[in-house]
Every structure is written in C-alpha cells, then in structure tokens.
Amino acid sequence: MSQQQITIGLKNLKYFAHHGVYTFEKENGAWFEVDIEMTCQREAESEEFMLNETLDYEKAASVCEACMQVPTPLIETVAQRILNNLKSSYKRLTYAEVEVRKINPPIKQTCSYTYVRLSYGSR
C-alpha cells in the first residue's frame, strides 16, 4: 500500500479581536484574518475518503476561533497558540502552517495588513 498526502486549507477566516500592544487596540479591537494549512498521510486504498482519514476543517476553524478570542499583545503569540492547539487536536498531523494578519495596522504608512506565518513539521 502506498501513502497519500492530504492537504486541507482554510483561507481568510475573519475575526474581530482585541489583540495588540496599544491600549486603544485592546479596548477598541480590530479585524484579523487567518489562513490555516494542514497535512496528514493516509493509506491510498480507496477512492472514497472517510472523515477519520483526513483532517476535519470545521474542528480547525473552532480551534482557531477559540484562540482568537483570547486578547494577546502580539500576533506571533496568537499564531503560535493556534499552531500548538492544532498539533494537540490532530495526532495525524505531519505539517501545519498558520498565518495571522492584522488588517489596517496602526502605523503611519498606508498598509493593508501585517502578518506572521508559523509552521510545524515538513511538507
């Protein structure tokens, strides 16, 4: 039997959250977007997939939402929290990547977003 790699992704999950270093960010909140990519292996036996052979993206969205609800100064910490929770939620996970974007960050220059991307494992 051969191994098959499965990649599941969620793009542009949107959250209003209270992450940031500045007091006004903590009080007023801002919009954030999150992308998640996860990979696992399965035995390539049949054409039909079963949920236990893949990664449940609804569960990943719930993990992400729970992490986004915790006010945190740095989006690096938010991304790490999401990544850690995905790793503990999916025992079959071989690779995961999380990108957290802060929309319209509070800087002098015009900037659509800032982001941090963290990964675990190898593709």
PDB file of N, CA and C in Angstrom:
ATOM      1  N   MET A   1       0.830  -1.189   0.000  1.00  0.00           N
ATOM      2  CA  MET A   1       0.000   0.000   0.000  1.00  0.00           C
ATOM      3  C   MET A   1       0.872   1.250   0.000  1.00  0.00           C
ATOM      4  N   SER A   2       0.411   2.234  -0.698  1.00  0.00           N
ATOM      5  CA  SER A   2       1.168   3.484  -0.748  1.00  0.00           C
ATOM      6  C   SER A   2       0.521   4.548   0.145  1.00  0.00           C
ATOM      7  N   GLN A   3       1.347   5.449   0.578  1.00  0.00           N
ATOM      8  CA  GLN A   3       0.880   6.564   1.392  1.00  0.00           C
ATOM      9  C   GLN A   3       0.452   7.710   0.483  1.00  0.00           C
ATOM     10  N   GLN A   4      -0.599   8.372   0.875  1.00  0.00           N
ATOM     11  CA  GLN A   4      -1.089   9.524   0.136  1.00  0.00           C
ATOM     12  C   GLN A   4      -1.088  10.720   1.075  1.00  0.00           C
ATOM     13  N   GLN A   5      -0.585  11.836   0.592  1.00  0.00           N
ATOM     14  CA  GLN A   5      -0.560  13.056   1.387  1.00  0.00           C
ATOM     15  C   GLN A   5      -1.834  13.854   1.127  1.00  0.00           C
ATOM     16  N   ILE A   6      -2.463  14.302   2.206  1.00  0.00           N
ATOM     17  CA  ILE A   6      -3.691  15.102   2.112  1.00  0.00           C
ATOM     18  C   ILE A   6      -3.411  16.466   2.717  1.00  0.00           C
ATOM     19  N   THR A   7      -3.738  17.524   1.987  1.00  0.00           N
ATOM     20  CA  THR A   7      -3.594  18.882   2.500  1.00  0.00           C
ATOM     21  C   THR A   7      -4.971  19.529   2.546  1.00  0.00           C
ATOM     22  N   ILE A   8      -5.296  20.073   3.709  1.00  0.00           N
ATOM     23  CA  ILE A   8      -6.560  20.764   3.937  1.00  0.00           C
ATOM     24  C   ILE A   8      -6.232  22.216   4.262  1.00  0.00           C
ATOM     25  N   GLY A   9      -6.976  23.151   3.706  1.00  0.00           N
ATOM     26  CA  GLY A   9      -6.709  24.554   3.979  1.00  0.00           C
ATOM     27  C   GLY A   9      -7.970  25.347   4.280  1.00  0.00           C
ATOM     28  N   LEU A  10      -7.803  26.361   5.091  1.00  0.00           N
ATOM     29  CA  LEU A  10      -8.854  27.346   5.359  1.00  0.00           C
ATOM     30  C   LEU A  10      -8.245  28.708   5.053  1.00  0.00           C
ATOM     31  N   LYS A  11      -8.893  29.487   4.211  1.00  0.00           N
ATOM     32  CA  LYS A  11      -8.364  30.786   3.794  1.00  0.00           C
ATOM     33  C   LYS A  11      -9.298  31.911   4.234  1.00  0.00           C
ATOM     34  N   ASN A  12      -8.684  32.950   4.757  1.00  0.00           N
ATOM     35  CA  ASN A  12      -9.375  34.190   5.119  1.00  0.00           C
ATOM     36  C   ASN A  12     -10.466  34.021   6.170  1.00  0.00           C
ATOM     37  N   LEU A  13     -10.184  33.218   7.200  1.00  0.00           N
ATOM     38  CA  LEU A  13     -11.093  33.206   8.346  1.00  0.00           C
ATOM     39  C   LEU A  13     -11.042  34.603   8.953  1.00  0.00           C
ATOM     40  N   LYS A  14     -12.190  35.202   9.214  1.00  0.00           N
ATOM     41  CA  LYS A  14     -12.232  36.591   9.683  1.00  0.00           C
ATOM     42  C   LYS A  14     -12.720  36.661  11.127  1.00  0.00           C
ATOM     43  N   TYR A  15     -11.991  37.463  11.929  1.00  0.00           N
ATOM     44  CA  TYR A  15     -12.318  37.612  13.344  1.00  0.00           C
ATOM     45  C   TYR A  15     -12.157  39.066  13.762  1.00  0.00           C
ATOM     46  N   PHE A  16     -13.057  39.521  14.604  1.00  0.00           N
ATOM     47  CA  PHE A  16     -12.878  40.800  15.279  1.00  0.00           C
ATOM     48  C   PHE A  16     -12.335  40.454  16.653  1.00  0.00           C
ATOM     49  N   ALA A  17     -11.145  40.960  16.975  1.00  0.00           N
ATOM     50  CA  ALA A  17     -10.482  40.559  18.220  1.00  0.00           C
ATOM     51  C   ALA A  17      -9.763  41.750  18.844  1.00  0.00           C
ATOM     52  N   HIS A  18      -9.275  41.544  20.039  1.00  0.00           N
ATOM     53  CA  HIS A  18      -8.640  42.615  20.817  1.00  0.00           C
ATOM     54  C   HIS A  18      -7.160  42.324  21.046  1.00  0.00           C
ATOM     55  N   HIS A  19      -6.438  42.045  19.955  1.00  0.00           N
ATOM     56  CA  HIS A  19      -5.002  41.805  20.030  1.00  0.00           C
ATOM     57  C   HIS A  19      -4.268  43.106  19.751  1.00  0.00           C
ATOM     58  N   GLY A  20      -3.170  43.315  20.434  1.00  0.00           N
ATOM     59  CA  GLY A  20      -2.350  44.488  20.166  1.00  0.00           C
ATOM     60  C   GLY A  20      -1.605  44.951  21.392  1.00  0.00           C
ATOM     61  N   VAL A  21      -0.597  45.748  21.145  1.00  0.00           N
ATOM     62  CA  VAL A  21       0.245  46.278  22.205  1.00  0.00           C
ATOM     63  C   VAL A  21      -0.362  47.543  22.802  1.00  0.00           C
ATOM     64  N   TYR A  22      -1.004  48.345  21.964  1.00  0.00           N
ATOM     65  CA  TYR A  22      -1.530  49.642  22.402  1.00  0.00           C
ATOM     66  C   TYR A  22      -2.863  49.492  23.125  1.00  0.00           C
ATOM     67  N   THR A  23      -3.099  50.384  24.072  1.00  0.00           N
ATOM     68  CA  THR A  23      -4.340  50.375  24.860  1.00  0.00           C
ATOM     69  C   THR A  23      -5.560  50.474  23.959  1.00  0.00           C
ATOM     70  N   PHE A  24      -5.518  51.362  22.959  1.00  0.00           N
ATOM     71  CA  PHE A  24      -6.683  51.524  22.080  1.00  0.00           C
ATOM     72  C   PHE A  24      -6.972  50.250  21.286  1.00  0.00           C
ATOM     73  N   GLU A  25      -5.958  49.459  20.971  1.00  0.00           N
ATOM     74  CA  GLU A  25      -6.178  48.187  20.273  1.00  0.00           C
ATOM     75  C   GLU A  25      -6.887  47.192  21.193  1.00  0.00           C
ATOM     76  N   LYS A  26      -6.470  47.165  22.434  1.00  0.00           N
ATOM     77  CA  LYS A  26      -7.076  46.265  23.407  1.00  0.00           C
ATOM     78  C   LYS A  26      -8.524  46.655  23.699  1.00  0.00           C
ATOM     79  N   GLU A  27      -8.795  47.962  23.746  1.00  0.00           N
ATOM     80  CA  GLU A  27     -10.137  48.445  24.068  1.00  0.00           C
ATOM     81  C   GLU A  27     -11.077  48.389  22.866  1.00  0.00           C
ATOM     82  N   ASN A  28     -10.604  48.874  21.711  1.00  0.00           N
ATOM     83  CA  ASN A  28     -11.472  49.000  20.528  1.00  0.00           C
ATOM     84  C   ASN A  28     -11.525  47.740  19.671  1.00  0.00           C
ATOM     85  N   GLY A  29     -10.464  46.966  19.677  1.00  0.00           N
ATOM     86  CA  GLY A  29     -10.405  45.782  18.830  1.00  0.00           C
ATOM     87  C   GLY A  29     -10.115  46.128  17.381  1.00  0.00           C
ATOM     88  N   ALA A  30      -9.935  45.103  16.574  1.00  0.00           N
ATOM     89  CA  ALA A  30      -9.637  45.275  15.149  1.00  0.00           C
ATOM     90  C   ALA A  30      -9.977  43.976  14.421  1.00  0.00           C
ATOM     91  N   TRP A  31      -9.930  44.052  13.090  1.00  0.00           N
ATOM     92  CA  TRP A  31     -10.176  42.860  12.275  1.00  0.00           C
ATOM     93  C   TRP A  31      -8.876  42.122  12.000  1.00  0.00           C
ATOM     94  N   PHE A  32      -8.984  40.810  12.010  1.00  0.00           N
ATOM     95  CA  PHE A  32      -7.872  39.916  11.734  1.00  0.00           C
ATOM     96  C   PHE A  32      -8.350  38.850  10.756  1.00  0.00           C
ATOM     97  N   GLU A  33      -7.405  38.319   9.988  1.00  0.00           N
ATOM     98  CA  GLU A  33      -7.683  37.193   9.101  1.00  0.00           C
ATOM     99  C   GLU A  33      -6.672  36.094   9.390  1.00  0.00           C
ATOM    100  N   VAL A  34      -7.107  34.855   9.222  1.00  0.00           N
ATOM    101  CA  VAL A  34      -6.239  33.710   9.492  1.00  0.00           C
ATOM    102  C   VAL A  34      -6.346  32.719   8.337  1.00  0.00           C
ATOM    103  N   ASP A  35      -5.196  32.211   7.913  1.00  0.00           N
ATOM    104  CA  ASP A  35      -5.118  31.101   6.959  1.00  0.00           C
ATOM    105  C   ASP A  35      -4.504  29.917   7.696  1.00  0.00           C
ATOM    106  N   ILE A  36      -5.049  28.743   7.435  1.00  0.00           N
ATOM    107  CA  ILE A  36      -4.523  27.519   8.027  1.00  0.00           C
ATOM    108  C   ILE A  36      -4.317  26.498   6.907  1.00  0.00           C
ATOM    109  N   GLU A  37      -3.160  25.846   6.914  1.00  0.00           N
ATOM    110  CA  GLU A  37      -2.905  24.720   6.012  1.00  0.00           C
ATOM    111  C   GLU A  37      -2.407  23.559   6.863  1.00  0.00           C
ATOM    112  N   MET A  38      -2.997  22.378   6.662  1.00  0.00           N
ATOM    113  CA  MET A  38      -2.633  21.193   7.436  1.00  0.00           C
ATOM    114  C   MET A  38      -2.467  20.004   6.503  1.00  0.00           C
ATOM    115  N   THR A  39      -1.509  19.152   6.838  1.00  0.00           N
ATOM    116  CA  THR A  39      -1.237  17.968   6.026  1.00  0.00           C
ATOM    117  C   THR A  39      -1.177  16.731   6.914  1.00  0.00           C
ATOM    118  N   CYS A  40      -1.696  15.622   6.381  1.00  0.00           N
ATOM    119  CA  CYS A  40      -1.578  14.324   7.045  1.00  0.00           C
ATOM    120  C   CYS A  40      -1.384  13.265   5.963  1.00  0.00           C
ATOM    121  N   GLN A  41      -1.126  12.039   6.380  1.00  0.00           N
ATOM    122  CA  GLN A  41      -0.948  10.909   5.467  1.00  0.00           C
ATOM    123  C   GLN A  41      -2.116   9.943   5.621  1.00  0.00           C
ATOM    124  N   ARG A  42      -2.423   9.239   4.551  1.00  0.00           N
ATOM    125  CA  ARG A  42      -3.418   8.168   4.609  1.00  0.00           C
ATOM    126  C   ARG A  42      -2.983   7.045   3.698  1.00  0.00           C
ATOM    127  N   GLU A  43      -3.467   5.857   3.986  1.00  0.00           N
ATOM    128  CA  GLU A  43      -3.230   4.724   3.109  1.00  0.00           C
ATOM    129  C   GLU A  43      -4.086   4.931   1.859  1.00  0.00           C
ATOM    130  N   ALA A  44      -3.469   4.925   0.700  1.00  0.00           N
ATOM    131  CA  ALA A  44      -4.178   5.169  -0.553  1.00  0.00           C
ATOM    132  C   ALA A  44      -4.835   3.884  -1.032  1.00  0.00           C
ATOM    133  N   GLU A  45      -5.929   3.504  -0.405  1.00  0.00           N
ATOM    134  CA  GLU A  45      -6.614   2.261  -0.754  1.00  0.00           C
ATOM    135  C   GLU A  45      -7.839   2.494  -1.628  1.00  0.00           C
ATOM    136  N   SER A  46      -8.716   3.362  -1.173  1.00  0.00           N
ATOM    137  CA  SER A  46      -9.968   3.529  -1.910  1.00  0.00           C
ATOM    138  C   SER A  46     -10.123   4.958  -2.413  1.00  0.00           C
ATOM    139  N   GLU A  47     -11.054   5.110  -3.331  1.00  0.00           N
ATOM    140  CA  GLU A  47     -11.351   6.438  -3.858  1.00  0.00           C
ATOM    141  C   GLU A  47     -12.158   7.267  -2.872  1.00  0.00           C
ATOM    142  N   GLU A  48     -12.894   6.601  -2.012  1.00  0.00           N
ATOM    143  CA  GLU A  48     -13.767   7.309  -1.079  1.00  0.00           C
ATOM    144  C   GLU A  48     -13.047   7.577   0.237  1.00  0.00           C
ATOM    145  N   PHE A  49     -13.103   8.834   0.659  1.00  0.00           N
ATOM    146  CA  PHE A  49     -12.475   9.244   1.913  1.00  0.00           C
ATOM    147  C   PHE A  49     -13.459   9.131   3.063  1.00  0.00           C
ATOM    148  N   MET A  50     -12.926   8.794   4.223  1.00  0.00           N
ATOM    149  CA  MET A  50     -13.699   8.803   5.459  1.00  0.00           C
ATOM    150  C   MET A  50     -13.155   9.953   6.309  1.00  0.00           C
ATOM    151  N   LEU A  51     -14.001  10.544   7.144  1.00  0.00           N
ATOM    152  CA  LEU A  51     -13.575  11.681   7.950  1.00  0.00           C
ATOM    153  C   LEU A  51     -12.374  11.333   8.838  1.00  0.00           C
ATOM    154  N   ASN A  52     -12.316  10.111   9.336  1.00  0.00           N
ATOM    155  CA  ASN A  52     -11.195   9.733  10.203  1.00  0.00           C
ATOM    156  C   ASN A  52      -9.879   9.563   9.437  1.00  0.00           C
ATOM    157  N   GLU A  53      -9.909   9.624   8.103  1.00  0.00           N
ATOM    158  CA  GLU A  53      -8.695   9.525   7.288  1.00  0.00           C
ATOM    159  C   GLU A  53      -8.138  10.891   6.909  1.00  0.00           C
ATOM    160  N   THR A  54      -8.872  11.930   7.213  1.00  0.00           N
ATOM    161  CA  THR A  54      -8.474  13.264   6.792  1.00  0.00           C
ATOM    162  C   THR A  54      -8.465  14.180   8.005  1.00  0.00           C
ATOM    163  N   LEU A  55      -8.447  15.484   7.780  1.00  0.00           N
ATOM    164  CA  LEU A  55      -8.432  16.469   8.856  1.00  0.00           C
ATOM    165  C   LEU A  55      -9.719  17.288   8.778  1.00  0.00           C
ATOM    166  N   ASP A  56     -10.444  17.321   9.848  1.00  0.00           N
ATOM    167  CA  ASP A  56     -11.741  17.991   9.917  1.00  0.00           C
ATOM    168  C   ASP A  56     -11.547  19.510   9.950  1.00  0.00           C
ATOM    169  N   TYR A  57     -11.869  20.202   8.854  1.00  0.00           N
ATOM    170  CA  TYR A  57     -11.640  21.644   8.796  1.00  0.00           C
ATOM    171  C   TYR A  57     -12.592  22.435   9.689  1.00  0.00           C
ATOM    172  N   GLU A  58     -13.767  21.873  10.005  1.00  0.00           N
ATOM    173  CA  GLU A  58     -14.678  22.543  10.933  1.00  0.00           C
ATOM    174  C   GLU A  58     -14.058  22.586  12.334  1.00  0.00           C
ATOM    175  N   LYS A  59     -13.412  21.510  12.716  1.00  0.00           N
ATOM    176  CA  LYS A  59     -12.714  21.458  14.009  1.00  0.00           C
ATOM    177  C   LYS A  59     -11.563  22.468  14.024  1.00  0.00           C
ATOM    178  N   ALA A  60     -10.829  22.573  12.928  1.00  0.00           N
ATOM    179  CA  ALA A  60      -9.725  23.537  12.837  1.00  0.00           C
ATOM    180  C   ALA A  60     -10.234  24.969  12.972  1.00  0.00           C
ATOM    181  N   ALA A  61     -11.370  25.265  12.354  1.00  0.00           N
ATOM    182  CA  ALA A  61     -11.956  26.604  12.466  1.00  0.00           C
ATOM    183  C   ALA A  61     -12.365  26.898  13.906  1.00  0.00           C
ATOM    184  N   SER A  62     -12.880  25.907  14.599  1.00  0.00           N
ATOM    185  CA  SER A  62     -13.265  26.077  16.007  1.00  0.00           C
ATOM    186  C   SER A  62     -12.045  26.303  16.894  1.00  0.00           C
ATOM    187  N   VAL A  63     -10.971  25.553  16.631  1.00  0.00           N
ATOM    188  CA  VAL A  63      -9.714  25.737  17.368  1.00  0.00           C
ATOM    189  C   VAL A  63      -9.219  27.163  17.175  1.00  0.00           C
ATOM    190  N   CYS A  64      -9.227  27.623  15.938  1.00  0.00           N
ATOM    191  CA  CYS A  64      -8.759  28.961  15.610  1.00  0.00           C
ATOM    192  C   CYS A  64      -9.622  30.021  16.304  1.00  0.00           C
ATOM    193  N   GLU A  65     -10.924  29.858  16.240  1.00  0.00           N
ATOM    194  CA  GLU A  65     -11.828  30.827  16.854  1.00  0.00           C
ATOM    195  C   GLU A  65     -11.581  30.944  18.358  1.00  0.00           C
ATOM    196  N   ALA A  66     -11.405  29.825  19.032  1.00  0.00           N
ATOM    197  CA  ALA A  66     -11.143  29.842  20.476  1.00  0.00           C
ATOM    198  C   ALA A  66      -9.846  30.597  20.783  1.00  0.00           C
ATOM    199  N   CYS A  67      -8.825  30.395  19.974  1.00  0.00           N
ATOM    200  CA  CYS A  67      -7.551  31.082  20.186  1.00  0.00           C
ATOM    201  C   CYS A  67      -7.654  32.578  19.900  1.00  0.00           C
ATOM    202  N   MET A  68      -8.428  32.935  18.900  1.00  0.00           N
ATOM    203  CA  MET A  68      -8.579  34.345  18.533  1.00  0.00           C
ATOM    204  C   MET A  68      -9.361  35.134  19.589  1.00  0.00           C
ATOM    205  N   GLN A  69     -10.131  34.462  20.406  1.00  0.00           N
ATOM    206  CA  GLN A  69     -10.929  35.142  21.435  1.00  0.00           C
ATOM    207  C   GLN A  69     -10.112  35.538  22.656  1.00  0.00           C
ATOM    208  N   VAL A  70      -8.882  35.071  22.754  1.00  0.00           N
ATOM    209  CA  VAL A  70      -8.028  35.388  23.907  1.00  0.00           C
ATOM    210  C   VAL A  70      -7.198  36.633  23.574  1.00  0.00           C
ATOM    211  N   PRO A  71      -7.489  37.791  24.195  1.00  0.00           N
ATOM    212  CA  PRO A  71      -6.712  39.010  23.901  1.00  0.00           C
ATOM    213  C   PRO A  71      -5.226  38.791  24.173  1.00  0.00           C
ATOM    214  N   THR A  72      -4.398  39.157  23.192  1.00  0.00           N
ATOM    215  CA  THR A  72      -2.963  38.887  23.233  1.00  0.00           C
ATOM    216  C   THR A  72      -2.215  40.061  22.608  1.00  0.00           C
ATOM    217  N   PRO A  73      -1.122  40.516  23.220  1.00  0.00           N
ATOM    218  CA  PRO A  73      -0.399  41.661  22.652  1.00  0.00           C
ATOM    219  C   PRO A  73       0.158  41.435  21.245  1.00  0.00           C
ATOM    220  N   LEU A  74       0.768  40.276  20.983  1.00  0.00           N
ATOM    221  CA  LEU A  74       1.448  40.059  19.702  1.00  0.00           C
ATOM    222  C   LEU A  74       0.779  38.971  18.873  1.00  0.00           C
ATOM    223  N   ILE A  75       0.646  39.228  17.557  1.00  0.00           N
ATOM    224  CA  ILE A  75       0.040  38.211  16.697  1.00  0.00           C
ATOM    225  C   ILE A  75       0.951  37.001  16.540  1.00  0.00           C
ATOM    226  N   GLU A  76       2.237  37.148  16.822  1.00  0.00           N
ATOM    227  CA  GLU A  76       3.138  35.996  16.819  1.00  0.00           C
ATOM    228  C   GLU A  76       2.683  34.967  17.861  1.00  0.00           C
ATOM    229  N   THR A  77       2.280  35.471  19.017  1.00  0.00           N
ATOM    230  CA  THR A  77       1.801  34.593  20.089  1.00  0.00           C
ATOM    231  C   THR A  77       0.474  33.960  19.712  1.00  0.00           C
ATOM    232  N   VAL A  78      -0.393  34.724  19.059  1.00  0.00           N
ATOM    233  CA  VAL A  78      -1.683  34.186  18.607  1.00  0.00           C
ATOM    234  C   VAL A  78      -1.451  33.048  17.619  1.00  0.00           C
ATOM    235  N   ALA A  79      -0.565  33.262  16.648  1.00  0.00           N
ATOM    236  CA  ALA A  79      -0.263  32.224  15.648  1.00  0.00           C
ATOM    237  C   ALA A  79       0.321  30.982  16.311  1.00  0.00           C
ATOM    238  N   GLN A  80       1.217  31.165  17.283  1.00  0.00           N
ATOM    239  CA  GLN A  80       1.812  30.025  17.976  1.00  0.00           C
ATOM    240  C   GLN A  80       0.758  29.262  18.767  1.00  0.00           C
ATOM    241  N   ARG A  81      -0.164  29.983  19.395  1.00  0.00           N
ATOM    242  CA  ARG A  81      -1.245  29.339  20.157  1.00  0.00           C
ATOM    243  C   ARG A  81      -2.121  28.493  19.233  1.00  0.00           C
ATOM    244  N   ILE A  82      -2.456  29.038  18.074  1.00  0.00           N
ATOM    245  CA  ILE A  82      -3.272  28.286  17.102  1.00  0.00           C
ATOM    246  C   ILE A  82      -2.516  27.035  16.659  1.00  0.00           C
ATOM    247  N   LEU A  83      -1.254  27.205  16.308  1.00  0.00           N
ATOM    248  CA  LEU A  83      -0.432  26.080  15.843  1.00  0.00           C
ATOM    249  C   LEU A  83      -0.330  24.997  16.919  1.00  0.00           C
ATOM    250  N   ASN A  84      -0.064  25.388  18.151  1.00  0.00           N
ATOM    251  CA  ASN A  84       0.036  24.416  19.247  1.00  0.00           C
ATOM    252  C   ASN A  84      -1.273  23.661  19.446  1.00  0.00           C
ATOM    253  N   ASN A  85      -2.392  24.364  19.365  1.00  0.00           N
ATOM    254  CA  ASN A  85      -3.690  23.721  19.551  1.00  0.00           C
ATOM    255  C   ASN A  85      -4.042  22.799  18.388  1.00  0.00           C
ATOM    256  N   LEU A  86      -3.641  23.154  17.187  1.00  0.00           N
ATOM    257  CA  LEU A  86      -3.853  22.252  16.047  1.00  0.00           C
ATOM    258  C   LEU A  86      -3.031  20.983  16.223  1.00  0.00           C
ATOM    259  N   LYS A  87      -1.770  21.132  16.644  1.00  0.00           N
ATOM    260  CA  LYS A  87      -0.905  19.963  16.854  1.00  0.00           C
ATOM    261  C   LYS A  87      -1.497  19.024  17.902  1.00  0.00           C
ATOM    262  N   SER A  88      -2.049  19.577  18.959  1.00  0.00           N
ATOM    263  CA  SER A  88      -2.617  18.710  20.001  1.00  0.00           C
ATOM    264  C   SER A  88      -3.992  18.159  19.619  1.00  0.00           C
ATOM    265  N   SER A  89      -4.674  18.792  18.671  1.00  0.00           N
ATOM    266  CA  SER A  89      -6.004  18.339  18.245  1.00  0.00           C
ATOM    267  C   SER A  89      -5.958  17.253  17.176  1.00  0.00           C
ATOM    268  N   TYR A  90      -4.872  17.198  16.420  1.00  0.00           N
ATOM    269  CA  TYR A  90      -4.757  16.250  15.308  1.00  0.00           C
ATOM    270  C   TYR A  90      -3.490  15.417  15.479  1.00  0.00           C
ATOM    271  N   LYS A  91      -3.634  14.219  15.941  1.00  0.00           N
ATOM    272  CA  LYS A  91      -2.478  13.339  16.171  1.00  0.00           C
ATOM    273  C   LYS A  91      -1.803  12.919  14.863  1.00  0.00           C
ATOM    274  N   ARG A  92      -2.535  12.945  13.748  1.00  0.00           N
ATOM    275  CA  ARG A  92      -2.001  12.503  12.457  1.00  0.00           C
ATOM    276  C   ARG A  92      -1.360  13.648  11.657  1.00  0.00           C
ATOM    277  N   LEU A  93      -1.305  14.817  12.242  1.00  0.00           N
ATOM    278  CA  LEU A  93      -0.778  15.990  11.563  1.00  0.00           C
ATOM    279  C   LEU A  93       0.719  15.834  11.296  1.00  0.00           C
ATOM    280  N   THR A  94       1.125  16.020  10.036  1.00  0.00           N
ATOM    281  CA  THR A  94       2.554  15.958   9.700  1.00  0.00           C
ATOM    282  C   THR A  94       3.109  17.336   9.373  1.00  0.00           C
ATOM    283  N   TYR A  95       2.225  18.267   9.010  1.00  0.00           N
ATOM    284  CA  TYR A  95       2.632  19.630   8.684  1.00  0.00           C
ATOM    285  C   TYR A  95       1.458  20.560   8.961  1.00  0.00           C
ATOM    286  N   ALA A  96       1.768  21.739   9.477  1.00  0.00           N
ATOM    287  CA  ALA A  96       0.745  22.774   9.640  1.00  0.00           C
ATOM    288  C   ALA A  96       1.395  24.137   9.469  1.00  0.00           C
ATOM    289  N   GLU A  97       0.645  25.039   8.871  1.00  0.00           N
ATOM    290  CA  GLU A  97       1.100  26.411   8.704  1.00  0.00           C
ATOM    291  C   GLU A  97      -0.054  27.327   9.072  1.00  0.00           C
ATOM    292  N   VAL A  98       0.245  28.356   9.849  1.00  0.00           N
ATOM    293  CA  VAL A  98      -0.760  29.320  10.281  1.00  0.00           C
ATOM    294  C   VAL A  98      -0.259  30.710   9.940  1.00  0.00           C
ATOM    295  N   GLU A  99      -1.103  31.493   9.290  1.00  0.00           N
ATOM    296  CA  GLU A  99      -0.788  32.895   9.023  1.00  0.00           C
ATOM    297  C   GLU A  99      -1.876  33.744   9.657  1.00  0.00           C
ATOM    298  N   VAL A 100      -1.472  34.700  10.492  1.00  0.00           N
ATOM    299  CA  VAL A 100      -2.405  35.637  11.129  1.00  0.00           C
ATOM    300  C   VAL A 100      -2.102  37.022  10.576  1.00  0.00           C
ATOM    301  N   ARG A 101      -3.145  37.685  10.068  1.00  0.00           N
ATOM    302  CA  ARG A 101      -2.998  39.025   9.504  1.00  0.00           C
ATOM    303  C   ARG A 101      -3.785  40.037  10.335  1.00  0.00           C
ATOM    304  N   LYS A 102      -3.139  41.150  10.641  1.00  0.00           N
ATOM    305  CA  LYS A 102      -3.809  42.277  11.300  1.00  0.00           C
ATOM    306  C   LYS A 102      -4.162  43.274  10.208  1.00  0.00           C
ATOM    307  N   ILE A 103      -5.456  43.507  10.015  1.00  0.00           N
ATOM    308  CA  ILE A 103      -5.937  44.393   8.955  1.00  0.00           C
ATOM    309  C   ILE A 103      -5.782  45.850   9.398  1.00  0.00           C
ATOM    310  N   ASN A 104      -5.289  46.691   8.501  1.00  0.00           N
ATOM    311  CA  ASN A 104      -5.068  48.112   8.774  1.00  0.00           C
ATOM    312  C   ASN A 104      -4.329  48.339  10.091  1.00  0.00           C
ATOM    313  N   PRO A 105      -3.094  47.881  10.178  1.00  0.00           N
ATOM    314  CA  PRO A 105      -2.339  48.018  11.428  1.00  0.00           C
ATOM    315  C   PRO A 105      -2.094  49.490  11.774  1.00  0.00           C
ATOM    316  N   PRO A 106      -1.922  49.784  13.058  1.00  0.00           N
ATOM    317  CA  PRO A 106      -1.746  51.178  13.490  1.00  0.00           C
ATOM    318  C   PRO A 106      -0.309  51.679  13.284  1.00  0.00           C
ATOM    319  N   ILE A 107       0.031  51.933  12.015  1.00  0.00           N
ATOM    320  CA  ILE A 107       1.334  52.511  11.692  1.00  0.00           C
ATOM    321  C   ILE A 107       1.099  53.749  10.832  1.00  0.00           C
ATOM    322  N   LYS A 108       2.101  54.593  10.704  1.00  0.00           N
ATOM    323  CA  LYS A 108       1.961  55.862   9.967  1.00  0.00           C
ATOM    324  C   LYS A 108       1.717  55.642   8.476  1.00  0.00           C
ATOM    325  N   GLN A 109       2.366  54.642   7.918  1.00  0.00           N
ATOM    326  CA  GLN A 109       2.256  54.384   6.485  1.00  0.00           C
ATOM    327  C   GLN A 109       0.944  53.663   6.170  1.00  0.00           C
ATOM    328  N   THR A 110       0.492  53.832   4.940  1.00  0.00           N
ATOM    329  CA  THR A 110      -0.670  53.079   4.484  1.00  0.00           C
ATOM    330  C   THR A 110      -0.237  51.627   4.313  1.00  0.00           C
ATOM    331  N   CYS A 111      -0.986  50.732   4.951  1.00  0.00           N
ATOM    332  CA  CYS A 111      -0.626  49.316   4.920  1.00  0.00           C
ATOM    333  C   CYS A 111      -1.909  48.491   5.034  1.00  0.00           C
ATOM    334  N   SER A 112      -2.151  47.621   4.081  1.00  0.00           N
ATOM    335  CA  SER A 112      -3.361  46.790   4.094  1.00  0.00           C
ATOM    336  C   SER A 112      -3.383  45.859   5.295  1.00  0.00           C
ATOM    337  N   TYR A 113      -2.244  45.232   5.568  1.00  0.00           N
ATOM    338  CA  TYR A 113      -2.155  44.329   6.711  1.00  0.00           C
ATOM    339  C   TYR A 113      -0.709  44.007   7.023  1.00  0.00           C
ATOM    340  N   THR A 114      -0.500  43.562   8.255  1.00  0.00           N
ATOM    341  CA  THR A 114       0.765  42.952   8.642  1.00  0.00           C
ATOM    342  C   THR A 114       0.461  41.483   8.894  1.00  0.00           C
ATOM    343  N   TYR A 115       1.470  40.656   8.842  1.00  0.00           N
ATOM    344  CA  TYR A 115       1.200  39.235   9.080  1.00  0.00           C
ATOM    345  C   TYR A 115       2.391  38.546   9.713  1.00  0.00           C
ATOM    346  N   VAL A 116       2.072  37.406  10.325  1.00  0.00           N
ATOM    347  CA  VAL A 116       3.093  36.482  10.796  1.00  0.00           C
ATOM    348  C   VAL A 116       2.677  35.097  10.336  1.00  0.00           C
ATOM    349  N   ARG A 117       3.665  34.300   9.896  1.00  0.00           N
ATOM    350  CA  ARG A 117       3.399  32.938   9.431  1.00  0.00           C
ATOM    351  C   ARG A 117       4.333  31.992  10.186  1.00  0.00           C
ATOM    352  N   LEU A 118       3.739  30.993  10.806  1.00  0.00           N
ATOM    353  CA  LEU A 118       4.496  29.973  11.533  1.00  0.00           C
ATOM    354  C   LEU A 118       4.147  28.604  10.979  1.00  0.00           C
ATOM    355  N   SER A 119       5.098  27.685  11.045  1.00  0.00           N
ATOM    356  CA  SER A 119       4.807  26.334  10.559  1.00  0.00           C
ATOM    357  C   SER A 119       5.408  25.299  11.495  1.00  0.00           C
ATOM    358  N   TYR A 120       4.912  24.071  11.326  1.00  0.00           N
ATOM    359  CA  TYR A 120       5.341  22.915  12.098  1.00  0.00           C
ATOM    360  C   TYR A 120       5.500  21.743  11.142  1.00  0.00           C
ATOM    361  N   GLY A 121       6.549  20.951  11.331  1.00  0.00           N
ATOM    362  CA  GLY A 121       6.738  19.753  10.513  1.00  0.00           C
ATOM    363  C   GLY A 121       7.317  20.078   9.150  1.00  0.00           C
ATOM    364  N   SER A 122       7.220  19.103   8.254  1.00  0.00           N
ATOM    365  CA  SER A 122       7.730  19.296   6.896  1.00  0.00           C
ATOM    366  C   SER A 122       6.679  18.832   5.895  1.00  0.00           C
ATOM    367  N   ARG A 123       6.704  19.450   4.756  1.00  0.00           N
ATOM    368  CA  ARG A 123       5.700  19.161   3.712  1.00  0.00           C
ATOM    369  C   ARG A 123       5.975  17.856   3.025  1.00  0.00           C
TER     370      ARG A 123
END
